[in-house]
Protein backbone atom coordinates (compact mmCIF):
# COMPACT_ATOMS: atom_id res chain seq x y z
CA MET A 1 134.76 100.98 58.01
CA LYS A 2 137.46 100.48 60.28
CA LYS A 3 136.57 103.72 61.94
CA ARG A 4 133.17 102.94 61.94
CA TYR A 5 133.83 99.69 64.15
CA PHE A 6 136.02 101.61 66.21
CA LEU A 7 133.80 104.23 67.37
CA VAL A 8 130.93 101.66 67.69
CA ALA A 9 133.75 99.43 70.10
CA LEU A 10 134.56 102.65 71.66
CA MET A 11 130.90 103.65 72.84
CA ALA A 12 130.36 100.24 73.39
CA ALA A 13 133.38 100.23 76.17
CA LEU A 14 131.85 103.61 77.49
CA VAL A 15 129.01 102.48 78.20
CA PHE A 16 129.95 99.44 79.88
CA SER A 17 132.04 101.12 81.74
CA GLY A 18 129.41 103.91 82.66
CA VAL A 19 127.32 101.26 84.07
CA SER A 20 130.39 99.38 86.10
CA VAL A 21 130.52 102.36 87.53
CA LEU A 22 127.09 103.08 88.59
CA ALA A 23 126.96 99.29 90.20
CA GLY A 24 128.83 99.11 93.65
CA GLY A 25 128.12 102.74 93.74
CA SER A 26 126.62 104.48 96.54
CA MET A 27 123.56 106.84 96.66
CA TRP A 28 121.18 108.49 99.03
CA VAL A 29 117.73 108.80 99.56
CA THR A 30 116.48 112.12 99.06
CA SER A 31 112.78 111.55 99.49
CA GLU A 32 110.32 111.44 102.44
CA LYS A 33 109.05 107.81 102.38
CA ALA A 34 111.08 106.56 99.71
CA ARG A 35 109.63 102.93 98.62
CA LEU A 36 111.69 100.02 98.36
CA LYS A 37 110.09 97.23 95.83
CA SER A 38 110.08 94.37 95.26
CA LYS A 39 110.04 94.95 91.35
CA PRO A 40 110.93 97.57 89.12
CA LYS A 41 107.54 98.67 89.08
CA ALA A 42 105.76 101.23 91.24
CA SER A 43 102.74 98.88 91.11
CA SER A 44 105.20 95.93 92.74
CA THR A 45 104.68 95.03 96.43
CA THR A 46 106.83 97.96 98.87
CA LEU A 47 108.86 96.26 101.31
CA THR A 48 109.70 98.96 103.25
CA THR A 49 110.30 102.56 103.40
CA VAL A 50 113.34 104.26 103.39
CA SER A 51 114.39 107.54 105.08
CA VAL A 52 115.79 110.61 104.01
CA GLY A 53 119.53 110.48 104.04
CA ALA A 54 119.74 106.75 104.24
CA LYS A 55 122.78 105.91 102.12
CA VAL A 56 122.23 102.89 99.72
CA SER A 57 124.49 100.75 97.71
CA VAL A 58 123.32 100.42 94.10
CA LEU A 59 123.47 96.63 92.86
CA GLU A 60 122.21 97.18 89.27
CA SER A 61 119.67 99.93 87.41
CA LYS A 62 117.37 98.99 85.12
CA LYS A 63 115.71 102.12 83.36
CA ARG A 64 114.25 104.19 85.85
CA TRP A 65 115.23 102.00 88.52
CA TYR A 66 117.67 101.17 90.64
CA LYS A 67 118.52 98.08 92.73
CA VAL A 68 119.81 98.59 95.93
CA ARG A 69 120.53 97.39 99.46
CA THR A 70 120.18 99.15 102.07
CA SER A 71 122.23 99.67 105.14
CA SER A 72 120.63 96.85 107.34
CA GLY A 73 121.05 94.80 104.19
CA LYS A 74 117.66 94.68 102.57
CA LYS A 75 117.49 94.41 99.29
CA GLY A 76 114.81 95.64 96.37
CA TRP A 77 114.49 98.34 93.93
CA MET A 78 114.02 102.26 94.11
CA TYR A 79 112.62 104.76 91.50
CA ARG A 80 115.67 107.21 90.66
CA GLY A 81 114.19 109.97 91.38
CA LYS A 82 114.11 108.84 95.18
CA LEU A 83 118.22 108.95 94.92
CA SER A 84 120.85 110.99 94.59
CA ASP A 85 124.58 110.50 94.01
CA THR A 86 125.14 113.52 96.22
CA GLN A 87 124.43 113.34 100.19
CA PRO A 88 121.30 115.45 101.46
CA SER A 89 122.73 118.48 103.95
CA LYS A 90 121.78 117.03 107.72
CA GLU A 91 119.38 120.70 107.49
CA THR A 92 117.90 119.07 104.98
CA GLU A 93 117.42 115.52 106.54
CA ASP A 94 115.82 117.21 109.80
CA SER A 95 113.78 119.49 107.81
CA ASP A 96 109.87 119.60 108.10
CA ASN A 97 110.20 121.80 105.18
CA LEU A 98 108.13 121.33 102.58
CA PHE A 99 110.82 121.61 100.33
CA GLY A 100 113.32 120.22 102.11
CA SER A 101 114.27 117.49 99.93
CA MET A 102 115.13 119.71 97.21
CA GLN A 103 118.50 121.20 98.55
CA ALA A 104 120.49 120.74 95.57
CA SER A 105 117.42 121.93 93.13
CA SER A 106 118.38 124.35 90.92
CA ILE A 107 115.23 126.10 90.60
CA SER A 108 115.45 129.44 90.62
CA ALA A 109 112.71 132.07 91.30
CA ASP A 110 112.52 136.17 90.04
CA GLU A 111 111.38 138.79 92.27
CA ALA A 112 107.32 138.21 91.02
CA GLN A 113 107.68 134.67 92.05
CA THR A 114 108.92 134.75 95.37
CA SER A 115 106.01 136.77 96.40
CA ARG A 116 104.24 132.49 96.96
CA SER A 117 106.65 131.39 99.01
CA ILE A 118 106.90 133.92 102.23
CA ARG A 119 105.76 131.90 105.14
CA GLY A 120 106.41 128.65 106.59
CA LEU A 121 109.68 127.73 104.01
CA SER A 122 112.35 129.40 106.00
CA LYS A 123 113.36 132.23 108.09
CA GLU A 124 115.41 134.03 105.11
CA THR A 125 112.23 134.27 103.04
CA GLU A 126 110.32 135.80 105.98
CA GLN A 127 112.54 138.21 106.06
CA TYR A 128 112.90 138.63 102.55
CA ALA A 129 108.84 139.80 102.69
CA GLN A 130 109.16 142.37 105.48
CA GLN A 131 111.87 143.75 103.92
CA ARG A 132 109.91 143.86 100.67
CA ARG A 133 106.52 144.90 102.80
CA THR A 134 104.41 141.98 101.35
CA PRO A 135 101.28 142.55 101.95
CA GLU A 136 99.59 140.68 104.72
CA VAL A 137 96.88 139.03 102.63
CA TYR A 138 99.43 137.50 100.79
CA LYS A 139 100.90 135.66 103.86
CA LYS A 140 96.90 134.83 104.78
CA ALA A 141 96.65 133.07 101.30
CA LEU A 142 100.39 131.33 101.49
CA ASP A 143 99.47 130.39 105.31
CA GLN A 144 95.83 128.92 103.94
CA VAL A 145 97.37 127.00 100.77
CA LEU A 146 100.40 125.28 103.11
CA ALA A 147 97.46 124.53 105.97
CA ILE A 148 96.23 121.72 102.78
CA ARG A 149 96.95 118.53 103.84
CA ILE A 150 97.11 115.58 101.86
CA THR A 151 97.61 111.93 102.53
CA ASP A 152 100.08 109.45 101.22
CA LYS A 153 97.60 107.82 99.68
CA GLU A 154 95.84 111.04 97.78
CA VAL A 155 99.67 111.51 96.21
CA ASP A 156 99.78 108.06 95.06
CA VAL A 157 96.36 108.33 93.15
CA PHE A 158 97.68 111.80 91.79
CA LEU A 159 101.07 110.42 90.68
CA LYS A 160 99.06 107.02 89.07
CA GLU A 161 96.25 108.77 87.61
CA GLY A 162 98.81 111.41 85.89
CA LYS A 163 101.50 108.91 85.02
CA ILE A 164 104.38 110.96 87.10
CA GLY A 165 107.35 110.01 88.27
CA GLU A 166 107.89 106.13 88.99
CA TYR A 167 104.04 105.83 87.52
CA ALA A 168 105.49 107.23 83.87
CA PRO A 169 105.19 104.82 80.73
């Protein structure tokens, strides 16, 4: 019985110490046009948008949301998927690359998958395509896909209807 109380007390101490370490810490914005919200809810009022690479101070956490303070002193809530505990590289911040904010991604691709990411992503993938003698038809098809443009509103509707990210239940 004493062992059980000890374990419960130990776990509680670890949980509370983890929360206190997070609160007061710093995180970096890793998503384009990350929205600072008035409440920890996607449908709440957007106070401002924060750019990729901006450092924020974490004040509190609530489920999948962090209450943060920007460098300009503005306070609000930001969805955890828009933040990282590691600073993005300068290359990522300046990039117009479709996948620029995924610098720390653990996504890997095998040889068959890489043929779909030949153009528009980096010089390295272009060189890879040339070395592998990737057919021009694949390059043109990917160029067509990359030329498709959608608005921020369309993305927001997609996320909301699919209950994805900050709109997840």
